Amino acid sequence: MDNNAPESHKFLPLLAWTMYDRGELLDLIKECHYPVAAADEEQWKETAERMCKVAFLCVQEKPEARPTMSMAVNMLEGHLEIPIPVYPFGWMYPQ
């Protein structure tokens, strides 16, 4: 949490969802001041998207919508296709 940030940027998971939804996850990495070389930018974008999509699946409100840990690991390692997550924060932050 950053209480000095604008409302949409206070809660990191919500900020990550917003950036993901806009196709701007790499910008979130850059905002965190982590240097990304131009040659590595596509790999970083794919890695950030993979991690965030799995995280969004893991925090779904309904337990049956969440992957098992072994599924999450396999998705992170690239062995399983990652389903497109739905907005996971509706119970906290209605869209």
PDB file of N, CA and C in Angstrom:
ATOM      1  N   MET A   1       0.847  -1.186   0.000  1.00  0.00           N
ATOM      2  CA  MET A   1       0.000   0.000   0.000  1.00  0.00           C
ATOM      3  C   MET A   1       0.886   1.241   0.000  1.00  0.00           C
ATOM      4  N   ASP A   2       0.453   2.224  -0.758  1.00  0.00           N
ATOM      5  CA  ASP A   2       1.102   3.532  -0.751  1.00  0.00           C
ATOM      6  C   ASP A   2       0.005   4.564  -0.571  1.00  0.00           C
ATOM      7  N   ASN A   3      -0.174   5.036   0.647  1.00  0.00           N
ATOM      8  CA  ASN A   3      -1.268   5.955   0.949  1.00  0.00           C
ATOM      9  C   ASN A   3      -1.115   7.305   0.265  1.00  0.00           C
ATOM     10  N   ASN A   4       0.081   7.621  -0.231  1.00  0.00           N
ATOM     11  CA  ASN A   4       0.297   8.883  -0.925  1.00  0.00           C
ATOM     12  C   ASN A   4       0.022   8.777  -2.423  1.00  0.00           C
ATOM     13  N   ALA A   5      -0.209   7.583  -2.909  1.00  0.00           N
ATOM     14  CA  ALA A   5      -0.446   7.366  -4.340  1.00  0.00           C
ATOM     15  C   ALA A   5      -1.911   7.635  -4.672  1.00  0.00           C
ATOM     16  N   PRO A   6      -2.200   7.884  -5.954  1.00  0.00           N
ATOM     17  CA  PRO A   6      -3.614   8.008  -6.358  1.00  0.00           C
ATOM     18  C   PRO A   6      -4.364   6.721  -5.997  1.00  0.00           C
ATOM     19  N   GLU A   7      -5.664   6.802  -5.828  1.00  0.00           N
ATOM     20  CA  GLU A   7      -6.475   5.652  -5.384  1.00  0.00           C
ATOM     21  C   GLU A   7      -6.195   4.385  -6.188  1.00  0.00           C
ATOM     22  N   SER A   8      -6.097   4.506  -7.506  1.00  0.00           N
ATOM     23  CA  SER A   8      -5.901   3.321  -8.358  1.00  0.00           C
ATOM     24  C   SER A   8      -4.505   2.732  -8.246  1.00  0.00           C
ATOM     25  N   HIS A   9      -3.588   3.412  -7.563  1.00  0.00           N
ATOM     26  CA  HIS A   9      -2.218   2.928  -7.437  1.00  0.00           C
ATOM     27  C   HIS A   9      -1.851   2.537  -6.007  1.00  0.00           C
ATOM     28  N   LYS A  10      -2.787   2.635  -5.059  1.00  0.00           N
ATOM     29  CA  LYS A  10      -2.487   2.350  -3.662  1.00  0.00           C
ATOM     30  C   LYS A  10      -2.251   0.869  -3.397  1.00  0.00           C
ATOM     31  N   PHE A  11      -3.004   0.018  -4.020  1.00  0.00           N
ATOM     32  CA  PHE A  11      -2.985  -1.419  -3.752  1.00  0.00           C
ATOM     33  C   PHE A  11      -2.290  -2.110  -4.918  1.00  0.00           C
ATOM     34  N   LEU A  12      -1.081  -2.633  -4.701  1.00  0.00           N
ATOM     35  CA  LEU A  12      -0.265  -3.179  -5.787  1.00  0.00           C
ATOM     36  C   LEU A  12      -0.991  -4.226  -6.628  1.00  0.00           C
ATOM     37  N   PRO A  13      -1.715  -5.192  -6.036  1.00  0.00           N
ATOM     38  CA  PRO A  13      -2.420  -6.147  -6.894  1.00  0.00           C
ATOM     39  C   PRO A  13      -3.423  -5.485  -7.837  1.00  0.00           C
ATOM     40  N   LEU A  14      -4.114  -4.460  -7.369  1.00  0.00           N
ATOM     41  CA  LEU A  14      -5.066  -3.758  -8.230  1.00  0.00           C
ATOM     42  C   LEU A  14      -4.330  -2.982  -9.323  1.00  0.00           C
ATOM     43  N   LEU A  15      -3.207  -2.383  -8.978  1.00  0.00           N
ATOM     44  CA  LEU A  15      -2.387  -1.693  -9.973  1.00  0.00           C
ATOM     45  C   LEU A  15      -1.890  -2.692 -11.013  1.00  0.00           C
ATOM     46  N   ALA A  16      -1.430  -3.852 -10.569  1.00  0.00           N
ATOM     47  CA  ALA A  16      -0.950  -4.875 -11.505  1.00  0.00           C
ATOM     48  C   ALA A  16      -2.083  -5.301 -12.444  1.00  0.00           C
ATOM     49  N   TRP A  17      -3.301  -5.480 -11.908  1.00  0.00           N
ATOM     50  CA  TRP A  17      -4.432  -5.850 -12.767  1.00  0.00           C
ATOM     51  C   TRP A  17      -4.702  -4.760 -13.790  1.00  0.00           C
ATOM     52  N   THR A  18      -4.702  -3.518 -13.353  1.00  0.00           N
ATOM     53  CA  THR A  18      -4.968  -2.396 -14.251  1.00  0.00           C
ATOM     54  C   THR A  18      -3.945  -2.360 -15.375  1.00  0.00           C
ATOM     55  N   MET A  19      -2.679  -2.537 -15.023  1.00  0.00           N
ATOM     56  CA  MET A  19      -1.610  -2.521 -16.031  1.00  0.00           C
ATOM     57  C   MET A  19      -1.746  -3.738 -16.966  1.00  0.00           C
ATOM     58  N   TYR A  20      -2.070  -4.889 -16.412  1.00  0.00           N
ATOM     59  CA  TYR A  20      -2.276  -6.094 -17.228  1.00  0.00           C
ATOM     60  C   TYR A  20      -3.430  -5.882 -18.201  1.00  0.00           C
ATOM     61  N   ASP A  21      -4.526  -5.358 -17.687  1.00  0.00           N
ATOM     62  CA  ASP A  21      -5.721  -5.147 -18.495  1.00  0.00           C
ATOM     63  C   ASP A  21      -5.450  -4.171 -19.646  1.00  0.00           C
ATOM     64  N   ARG A  22      -4.559  -3.248 -19.435  1.00  0.00           N
ATOM     65  CA  ARG A  22      -4.190  -2.272 -20.473  1.00  0.00           C
ATOM     66  C   ARG A  22      -3.050  -2.757 -21.366  1.00  0.00           C
ATOM     67  N   GLY A  23      -2.467  -3.925 -21.035  1.00  0.00           N
ATOM     68  CA  GLY A  23      -1.320  -4.424 -21.799  1.00  0.00           C
ATOM     69  C   GLY A  23      -0.049  -3.656 -21.484  1.00  0.00           C
ATOM     70  N   GLU A  24       0.059  -3.167 -20.248  1.00  0.00           N
ATOM     71  CA  GLU A  24       1.180  -2.315 -19.861  1.00  0.00           C
ATOM     72  C   GLU A  24       1.975  -2.873 -18.677  1.00  0.00           C
ATOM     73  N   LEU A  25       2.041  -4.197 -18.538  1.00  0.00           N
ATOM     74  CA  LEU A  25       2.751  -4.769 -17.393  1.00  0.00           C
ATOM     75  C   LEU A  25       4.222  -4.391 -17.368  1.00  0.00           C
ATOM     76  N   LEU A  26       4.852  -4.297 -18.522  1.00  0.00           N
ATOM     77  CA  LEU A  26       6.261  -3.936 -18.563  1.00  0.00           C
ATOM     78  C   LEU A  26       6.472  -2.550 -17.961  1.00  0.00           C
ATOM     79  N   ASP A  27       5.488  -1.671 -18.142  1.00  0.00           N
ATOM     80  CA  ASP A  27       5.584  -0.338 -17.551  1.00  0.00           C
ATOM     81  C   ASP A  27       5.590  -0.421 -16.028  1.00  0.00           C
ATOM     82  N   LEU A  28       4.878  -1.402 -15.465  1.00  0.00           N
ATOM     83  CA  LEU A  28       4.871  -1.579 -14.017  1.00  0.00           C
ATOM     84  C   LEU A  28       6.264  -1.966 -13.537  1.00  0.00           C
ATOM     85  N   ILE A  29       6.936  -2.842 -14.257  1.00  0.00           N
ATOM     86  CA  ILE A  29       8.303  -3.228 -13.903  1.00  0.00           C
ATOM     87  C   ILE A  29       9.213  -2.011 -13.968  1.00  0.00           C
ATOM     88  N   LYS A  30       9.047  -1.229 -15.016  1.00  0.00           N
ATOM     89  CA  LYS A  30       9.865  -0.031 -15.159  1.00  0.00           C
ATOM     90  C   LYS A  30       9.577   0.962 -14.045  1.00  0.00           C
ATOM     91  N   GLU A  31       8.305   1.064 -13.610  1.00  0.00           N
ATOM     92  CA  GLU A  31       7.943   1.962 -12.512  1.00  0.00           C
ATOM     93  C   GLU A  31       8.621   1.548 -11.217  1.00  0.00           C
ATOM     94  N   CYS A  32       8.905   0.262 -11.085  1.00  0.00           N
ATOM     95  CA  CYS A  32       9.572  -0.238  -9.882  1.00  0.00           C
ATOM     96  C   CYS A  32      11.081  -0.014  -9.955  1.00  0.00           C
ATOM     97  N   HIS A  33      11.524   0.671 -10.987  1.00  0.00           N
ATOM     98  CA  HIS A  33      12.933   1.041 -11.181  1.00  0.00           C
ATOM     99  C   HIS A  33      13.830  -0.162 -11.389  1.00  0.00           C
ATOM    100  N   TYR A  34      13.270  -1.228 -11.934  1.00  0.00           N
ATOM    101  CA  TYR A  34      14.083  -2.391 -12.266  1.00  0.00           C
ATOM    102  C   TYR A  34      14.535  -2.212 -13.712  1.00  0.00           C
ATOM    103  N   PRO A  35      15.831  -2.095 -13.956  1.00  0.00           N
ATOM    104  CA  PRO A  35      16.293  -1.832 -15.326  1.00  0.00           C
ATOM    105  C   PRO A  35      16.057  -3.024 -16.247  1.00  0.00           C
ATOM    106  N   VAL A  36      15.484  -2.766 -17.390  1.00  0.00           N
ATOM    107  CA  VAL A  36      15.234  -3.803 -18.390  1.00  0.00           C
ATOM    108  C   VAL A  36      15.912  -3.369 -19.685  1.00  0.00           C
ATOM    109  N   ALA A  37      16.888  -4.146 -20.124  1.00  0.00           N
ATOM    110  CA  ALA A  37      17.579  -3.845 -21.384  1.00  0.00           C
ATOM    111  C   ALA A  37      16.606  -4.033 -22.535  1.00  0.00           C
ATOM    112  N   ALA A  38      16.736  -3.214 -23.545  1.00  0.00           N
ATOM    113  CA  ALA A  38      15.836  -3.277 -24.697  1.00  0.00           C
ATOM    114  C   ALA A  38      15.804  -4.675 -25.302  1.00  0.00           C
ATOM    115  N   ALA A  39      16.949  -5.338 -25.338  1.00  0.00           N
ATOM    116  CA  ALA A  39      17.019  -6.685 -25.920  1.00  0.00           C
ATOM    117  C   ALA A  39      16.242  -7.712 -25.102  1.00  0.00           C
ATOM    118  N   ASP A  40      16.070  -7.455 -23.829  1.00  0.00           N
ATOM    119  CA  ASP A  40      15.368  -8.396 -22.940  1.00  0.00           C
ATOM    120  C   ASP A  40      13.910  -8.019 -22.699  1.00  0.00           C
ATOM    121  N   GLU A  41      13.467  -6.937 -23.295  1.00  0.00           N
ATOM    122  CA  GLU A  41      12.139  -6.402 -22.997  1.00  0.00           C
ATOM    123  C   GLU A  41      11.016  -7.400 -23.268  1.00  0.00           C
ATOM    124  N   GLU A  42      11.055  -8.104 -24.382  1.00  0.00           N
ATOM    125  CA  GLU A  42       9.984  -9.057 -24.711  1.00  0.00           C
ATOM    126  C   GLU A  42       9.944 -10.209 -23.718  1.00  0.00           C
ATOM    127  N   GLN A  43      11.106 -10.717 -23.332  1.00  0.00           N
ATOM    128  CA  GLN A  43      11.156 -11.804 -22.350  1.00  0.00           C
ATOM    129  C   GLN A  43      10.609 -11.334 -21.006  1.00  0.00           C
ATOM    130  N   TRP A  44      10.966 -10.112 -20.598  1.00  0.00           N
ATOM    131  CA  TRP A  44      10.455  -9.566 -19.339  1.00  0.00           C
ATOM    132  C   TRP A  44       8.944  -9.402 -19.395  1.00  0.00           C
ATOM    133  N   LYS A  45       8.446  -8.950 -20.536  1.00  0.00           N
ATOM    134  CA  LYS A  45       7.003  -8.763 -20.685  1.00  0.00           C
ATOM    135  C   LYS A  45       6.286 -10.104 -20.552  1.00  0.00           C
ATOM    136  N   GLU A  46       6.801 -11.133 -21.231  1.00  0.00           N
ATOM    137  CA  GLU A  46       6.185 -12.462 -21.149  1.00  0.00           C
ATOM    138  C   GLU A  46       6.250 -13.019 -19.731  1.00  0.00           C
ATOM    139  N   THR A  47       7.392 -12.836 -19.062  1.00  0.00           N
ATOM    140  CA  THR A  47       7.549 -13.336 -17.692  1.00  0.00           C
ATOM    141  C   THR A  47       6.614 -12.606 -16.737  1.00  0.00           C
ATOM    142  N   ALA A  48       6.544 -11.290 -16.854  1.00  0.00           N
ATOM    143  CA  ALA A  48       5.658 -10.502 -15.986  1.00  0.00           C
ATOM    144  C   ALA A  48       4.203 -10.899 -16.207  1.00  0.00           C
ATOM    145  N   GLU A  49       3.826 -11.079 -17.470  1.00  0.00           N
ATOM    146  CA  GLU A  49       2.445 -11.462 -17.763  1.00  0.00           C
ATOM    147  C   GLU A  49       2.136 -12.843 -17.209  1.00  0.00           C
ATOM    148  N   ARG A  50       3.059 -13.780 -17.378  1.00  0.00           N
ATOM    149  CA  ARG A  50       2.867 -15.144 -16.865  1.00  0.00           C
ATOM    150  C   ARG A  50       2.681 -15.106 -15.342  1.00  0.00           C
ATOM    151  N   MET A  51       3.566 -14.419 -14.636  1.00  0.00           N
ATOM    152  CA  MET A  51       3.489 -14.369 -13.172  1.00  0.00           C
ATOM    153  C   MET A  51       2.198 -13.710 -12.709  1.00  0.00           C
ATOM    154  N   CYS A  52       1.834 -12.616 -13.335  1.00  0.00           N
ATOM    155  CA  CYS A  52       0.626 -11.905 -12.915  1.00  0.00           C
ATOM    156  C   CYS A  52      -0.637 -12.693 -13.222  1.00  0.00           C
ATOM    157  N   LYS A  53      -0.691 -13.332 -14.388  1.00  0.00           N
ATOM    158  CA  LYS A  53      -1.878 -14.124 -14.719  1.00  0.00           C
ATOM    159  C   LYS A  53      -2.069 -15.254 -13.718  1.00  0.00           C
ATOM    160  N   VAL A  54      -0.987 -15.925 -13.353  1.00  0.00           N
ATOM    161  CA  VAL A  54      -1.086 -17.003 -12.366  1.00  0.00           C
ATOM    162  C   VAL A  54      -1.503 -16.422 -11.015  1.00  0.00           C
ATOM    163  N   ALA A  55      -0.920 -15.299 -10.639  1.00  0.00           N
ATOM    164  CA  ALA A  55      -1.298 -14.665  -9.368  1.00  0.00           C
ATOM    165  C   ALA A  55      -2.775 -14.281  -9.365  1.00  0.00           C
ATOM    166  N   PHE A  56      -3.267 -13.735 -10.482  1.00  0.00           N
ATOM    167  CA  PHE A  56      -4.681 -13.361 -10.554  1.00  0.00           C
ATOM    168  C   PHE A  56      -5.576 -14.586 -10.437  1.00  0.00           C
ATOM    169  N   LEU A  57      -5.135 -15.710 -10.981  1.00  0.00           N
ATOM    170  CA  LEU A  57      -5.913 -16.946 -10.838  1.00  0.00           C
ATOM    171  C   LEU A  57      -5.900 -17.427  -9.388  1.00  0.00           C
ATOM    172  N   CYS A  58      -4.776 -17.253  -8.711  1.00  0.00           N
ATOM    173  CA  CYS A  58      -4.631 -17.741  -7.334  1.00  0.00           C
ATOM    174  C   CYS A  58      -5.417 -16.924  -6.314  1.00  0.00           C
ATOM    175  N   VAL A  59      -5.821 -15.714  -6.660  1.00  0.00           N
ATOM    176  CA  VAL A  59      -6.553 -14.877  -5.697  1.00  0.00           C
ATOM    177  C   VAL A  59      -8.024 -14.717  -6.055  1.00  0.00           C
ATOM    178  N   GLN A  60      -8.537 -15.591  -6.890  1.00  0.00           N
ATOM    179  CA  GLN A  60      -9.959 -15.543  -7.216  1.00  0.00           C
ATOM    180  C   GLN A  60     -10.765 -15.738  -5.941  1.00  0.00           C
ATOM    181  N   GLU A  61     -11.902 -15.078  -5.850  1.00  0.00           N
ATOM    182  CA  GLU A  61     -12.722 -15.139  -4.642  1.00  0.00           C
ATOM    183  C   GLU A  61     -13.197 -16.560  -4.341  1.00  0.00           C
ATOM    184  N   LYS A  62     -13.645 -17.276  -5.364  1.00  0.00           N
ATOM    185  CA  LYS A  62     -14.167 -18.626  -5.161  1.00  0.00           C
ATOM    186  C   LYS A  62     -13.013 -19.637  -5.221  1.00  0.00           C
ATOM    187  N   PRO A  63     -12.856 -20.453  -4.177  1.00  0.00           N
ATOM    188  CA  PRO A  63     -11.756 -21.415  -4.152  1.00  0.00           C
ATOM    189  C   PRO A  63     -11.712 -22.342  -5.366  1.00  0.00           C
ATOM    190  N   GLU A  64     -12.870 -22.729  -5.873  1.00  0.00           N
ATOM    191  CA  GLU A  64     -12.893 -23.645  -7.018  1.00  0.00           C
ATOM    192  C   GLU A  64     -12.369 -22.992  -8.298  1.00  0.00           C
ATOM    193  N   ALA A  65     -12.255 -21.683  -8.310  1.00  0.00           N
ATOM    194  CA  ALA A  65     -11.723 -20.972  -9.476  1.00  0.00           C
ATOM    195  C   ALA A  65     -10.201 -20.844  -9.424  1.00  0.00           C
ATOM    196  N   ARG A  66      -9.617 -21.218  -8.287  1.00  0.00           N
ATOM    197  CA  ARG A  66      -8.161 -21.111  -8.107  1.00  0.00           C
ATOM    198  C   ARG A  66      -7.469 -22.398  -8.543  1.00  0.00           C
ATOM    199  N   PRO A  67      -6.261 -22.280  -9.122  1.00  0.00           N
ATOM    200  CA  PRO A  67      -5.518 -23.494  -9.475  1.00  0.00           C
ATOM    201  C   PRO A  67      -4.904 -24.131  -8.230  1.00  0.00           C
ATOM    202  N   THR A  68      -4.605 -25.414  -8.329  1.00  0.00           N
ATOM    203  CA  THR A  68      -3.861 -26.068  -7.251  1.00  0.00           C
ATOM    204  C   THR A  68      -2.424 -25.558  -7.300  1.00  0.00           C
ATOM    205  N   MET A  69      -1.670 -25.797  -6.251  1.00  0.00           N
ATOM    206  CA  MET A  69      -0.268 -25.353  -6.238  1.00  0.00           C
ATOM    207  C   MET A  69       0.525 -26.016  -7.357  1.00  0.00           C
ATOM    208  N   SER A  70       0.287 -27.308  -7.584  1.00  0.00           N
ATOM    209  CA  SER A  70       1.045 -27.982  -8.654  1.00  0.00           C
ATOM    210  C   SER A  70       0.686 -27.395 -10.019  1.00  0.00           C
ATOM    211  N   MET A  71      -0.575 -27.036 -10.215  1.00  0.00           N
ATOM    212  CA  MET A  71      -0.971 -26.397 -11.469  1.00  0.00           C
ATOM    213  C   MET A  71      -0.308 -25.028 -11.601  1.00  0.00           C
ATOM    214  N   ALA A  72      -0.279 -24.269 -10.505  1.00  0.00           N
ATOM    215  CA  ALA A  72       0.340 -22.937 -10.536  1.00  0.00           C
ATOM    216  C   ALA A  72       1.821 -23.048 -10.892  1.00  0.00           C
ATOM    217  N   VAL A  73       2.510 -24.001 -10.281  1.00  0.00           N
ATOM    218  CA  VAL A  73       3.932 -24.199 -10.583  1.00  0.00           C
ATOM    219  C   VAL A  73       4.109 -24.568 -12.052  1.00  0.00           C
ATOM    220  N   ASN A  74       3.284 -25.482 -12.548  1.00  0.00           N
ATOM    221  CA  ASN A  74       3.385 -25.884 -13.953  1.00  0.00           C
ATOM    222  C   ASN A  74       3.078 -24.736 -14.903  1.00  0.00           C
ATOM    223  N   MET A  75       2.142 -23.870 -14.528  1.00  0.00           N
ATOM    224  CA  MET A  75       1.854 -22.700 -15.363  1.00  0.00           C
ATOM    225  C   MET A  75       3.043 -21.740 -15.356  1.00  0.00           C
ATOM    226  N   LEU A  76       3.623 -21.524 -14.177  1.00  0.00           N
ATOM    227  CA  LEU A  76       4.774 -20.622 -14.082  1.00  0.00           C
ATOM    228  C   LEU A  76       5.969 -21.148 -14.865  1.00  0.00           C
ATOM    229  N   GLU A  77       6.141 -22.463 -14.866  1.00  0.00           N
ATOM    230  CA  GLU A  77       7.260 -23.060 -15.590  1.00  0.00           C
ATOM    231  C   GLU A  77       6.994 -23.197 -17.085  1.00  0.00           C
ATOM    232  N   GLY A  78       5.772 -22.901 -17.504  1.00  0.00           N
ATOM    233  CA  GLY A  78       5.446 -22.970 -18.921  1.00  0.00           C
ATOM    234  C   GLY A  78       5.000 -24.337 -19.400  1.00  0.00           C
ATOM    235  N   HIS A  79       4.702 -25.244 -18.481  1.00  0.00           N
ATOM    236  CA  HIS A  79       4.265 -26.600 -18.845  1.00  0.00           C
ATOM    237  C   HIS A  79       2.761 -26.692 -19.061  1.00  0.00           C
ATOM    238  N   LEU A  80       2.022 -25.720 -18.535  1.00  0.00           N
ATOM    239  CA  LEU A  80       0.568 -25.684 -18.692  1.00  0.00           C
ATOM    240  C   LEU A  80       0.165 -24.336 -19.265  1.00  0.00           C
ATOM    241  N   GLU A  81      -0.835 -24.378 -20.118  1.00  0.00           N
ATOM    242  CA  GLU A  81      -1.417 -23.141 -20.655  1.00  0.00           C
ATOM    243  C   GLU A  81      -2.090 -22.389 -19.504  1.00  0.00           C
ATOM    244  N   ILE A  82      -1.944 -21.080 -19.493  1.00  0.00           N
ATOM    245  CA  ILE A  82      -2.558 -20.268 -18.448  1.00  0.00           C
ATOM    246  C   ILE A  82      -3.878 -19.722 -18.982  1.00  0.00           C
ATOM    247  N   PRO A  83      -4.994 -20.073 -18.328  1.00  0.00           N
ATOM    248  CA  PRO A  83      -6.274 -19.513 -18.776  1.00  0.00           C
ATOM    249  C   PRO A  83      -6.298 -18.002 -18.544  1.00  0.00           C
ATOM    250  N   ILE A  84      -7.079 -17.319 -19.332  1.00  0.00           N
ATOM    251  CA  ILE A  84      -7.205 -15.877 -19.168  1.00  0.00           C
ATOM    252  C   ILE A  84      -7.966 -15.619 -17.871  1.00  0.00           C
ATOM    253  N   PRO A  85      -7.342 -14.910 -16.927  1.00  0.00           N
ATOM    254  CA  PRO A  85      -8.018 -14.675 -15.657  1.00  0.00           C
ATOM    255  C   PRO A  85      -9.128 -13.640 -15.782  1.00  0.00           C
ATOM    256  N   VAL A  86     -10.106 -13.769 -14.911  1.00  0.00           N
ATOM    257  CA  VAL A  86     -11.148 -12.749 -14.814  1.00  0.00           C
ATOM    258  C   VAL A  86     -10.760 -11.807 -13.676  1.00  0.00           C
ATOM    259  N   TYR A  87     -11.342 -10.636 -13.681  1.00  0.00           N
ATOM    260  CA  TYR A  87     -11.062  -9.625 -12.666  1.00  0.00           C
ATOM    261  C   TYR A  87     -11.252 -10.238 -11.276  1.00  0.00           C
ATOM    262  N   PRO A  88     -10.178 -10.319 -10.478  1.00  0.00           N
ATOM    263  CA  PRO A  88     -10.268 -11.029  -9.199  1.00  0.00           C
ATOM    264  C   PRO A  88     -10.666 -10.184  -7.992  1.00  0.00           C
ATOM    265  N   PHE A  89     -10.841  -8.889  -8.167  1.00  0.00           N
ATOM    266  CA  PHE A  89     -11.033  -8.029  -7.001  1.00  0.00           C
ATOM    267  C   PHE A  89     -12.446  -7.443  -6.911  1.00  0.00           C
ATOM    268  N   GLY A  90     -13.398  -8.048  -7.610  1.00  0.00           N
ATOM    269  CA  GLY A  90     -14.754  -7.542  -7.629  1.00  0.00           C
ATOM    270  C   GLY A  90     -15.397  -7.434  -6.260  1.00  0.00           C
ATOM    271  N   TRP A  91     -15.040  -8.323  -5.372  1.00  0.00           N
ATOM    272  CA  TRP A  91     -15.604  -8.307  -4.019  1.00  0.00           C
ATOM    273  C   TRP A  91     -15.030  -7.152  -3.198  1.00  0.00           C
ATOM    274  N   MET A  92     -13.854  -6.626  -3.593  1.00  0.00           N
ATOM    275  CA  MET A  92     -13.219  -5.501  -2.878  1.00  0.00           C
ATOM    276  C   MET A  92     -13.375  -4.183  -3.624  1.00  0.00           C
ATOM    277  N   TYR A  93     -13.185  -4.262  -4.946  1.00  0.00           N
ATOM    278  CA  TYR A  93     -13.176  -3.071  -5.799  1.00  0.00           C
ATOM    279  C   TYR A  93     -14.035  -3.336  -7.015  1.00  0.00           C
ATOM    280  N   PRO A  94     -15.343  -3.095  -6.932  1.00  0.00           N
ATOM    281  CA  PRO A  94     -16.198  -3.327  -8.104  1.00  0.00           C
ATOM    282  C   PRO A  94     -15.719  -2.466  -9.291  1.00  0.00           C
ATOM    283  N   GLN A  95     -15.825  -3.036 -10.462  1.00  0.00           N
ATOM    284  CA  GLN A  95     -15.415  -2.288 -11.669  1.00  0.00           C
ATOM    285  C   GLN A  95     -16.493  -1.359 -12.104  1.00  0.00           C
TER     286      GLN A  95
END
